[in-house]
């Protein structure tokens, strides 16, 4: 939940405030979606791999 909150909400807001001054149209908004989806997916994959590795150690 924290990864998704950070990736989709906080990161997207930060990107919107940094990208929108350069592009004043829908492109500025459209660019942030794939970036935040990709970063969130990457963080979730890293978290999943870490937790899987950790559970194997406990067995």
Protein backbone atom coordinates (compact mmCIF):
# COMPACT_ATOMS: atom_id res chain seq x y z
CA UNK A 1 0.00 0.00 0.00
CA UNK A 2 2.84 2.40 0.83
CA UNK A 3 4.62 1.63 -2.44
CA UNK A 4 1.47 2.35 -4.43
CA UNK A 5 0.74 5.50 -2.42
CA UNK A 6 4.23 6.81 -3.07
CA UNK A 7 4.43 5.75 -6.72
CA UNK A 8 1.01 6.70 -7.95
CA UNK A 9 0.12 9.64 -5.72
CA UNK A 10 3.23 11.38 -4.43
CA UNK A 11 5.56 10.75 -7.37
CA UNK A 12 2.88 11.70 -9.88
CA UNK A 13 2.18 14.96 -8.04
CA UNK A 14 5.89 15.83 -7.94
CA UNK A 15 6.25 15.03 -11.64
CA UNK A 16 3.22 17.12 -12.53
CA UNK A 17 4.68 20.13 -10.74
CA UNK A 18 8.03 19.69 -12.51
CA UNK A 19 6.81 18.75 -16.00
CA UNK A 20 3.80 21.06 -16.40
CA UNK A 21 5.83 24.29 -16.47
CA UNK A 22 7.57 22.95 -19.59
CA UNK A 23 4.52 21.51 -21.38
CA UNK A 24 1.34 23.52 -20.82
CA UNK A 25 -1.00 21.01 -22.44
CA UNK A 26 -2.21 17.43 -22.10
CA UNK A 27 1.21 16.03 -23.04
CA UNK A 28 2.57 17.09 -19.66
CA UNK A 29 -0.08 15.06 -17.92
CA UNK A 30 0.14 12.13 -20.34
CA UNK A 31 3.89 11.75 -19.77
CA UNK A 32 3.52 11.31 -16.02
CA UNK A 33 1.22 8.28 -16.19
CA UNK A 34 3.59 5.76 -17.82
CA UNK A 35 6.50 7.00 -15.70
CA UNK A 36 4.63 6.52 -12.43
CA UNK A 37 3.12 3.19 -13.52
CA UNK A 38 6.57 1.92 -14.48
CA UNK A 39 8.24 3.10 -11.29
CA UNK A 40 5.47 1.63 -9.14
CA UNK A 41 5.64 -1.69 -11.00
CA UNK A 42 9.42 -1.79 -10.64
CA UNK A 43 9.21 -1.10 -6.89
CA UNK A 44 6.53 -3.77 -6.48
CA UNK A 45 8.69 -6.33 -8.34
CA UNK A 46 11.69 -5.51 -6.17
CA UNK A 47 9.57 -5.78 -3.03
CA UNK A 48 8.09 -9.10 -4.17
CA UNK A 49 11.51 -10.56 -4.98
CA UNK A 50 12.86 -9.40 -1.61
CA UNK A 51 9.96 -10.91 0.33
CA UNK A 52 10.18 -14.16 -1.64
CA UNK A 53 13.90 -14.40 -0.91
CA UNK A 54 13.27 -13.63 2.75
CA UNK A 55 10.61 -16.33 3.09
CA UNK A 56 12.96 -18.90 1.51
CA UNK A 57 15.58 -18.12 4.17
CA UNK A 58 13.06 -18.72 6.96
CA UNK A 59 12.20 -22.23 5.72
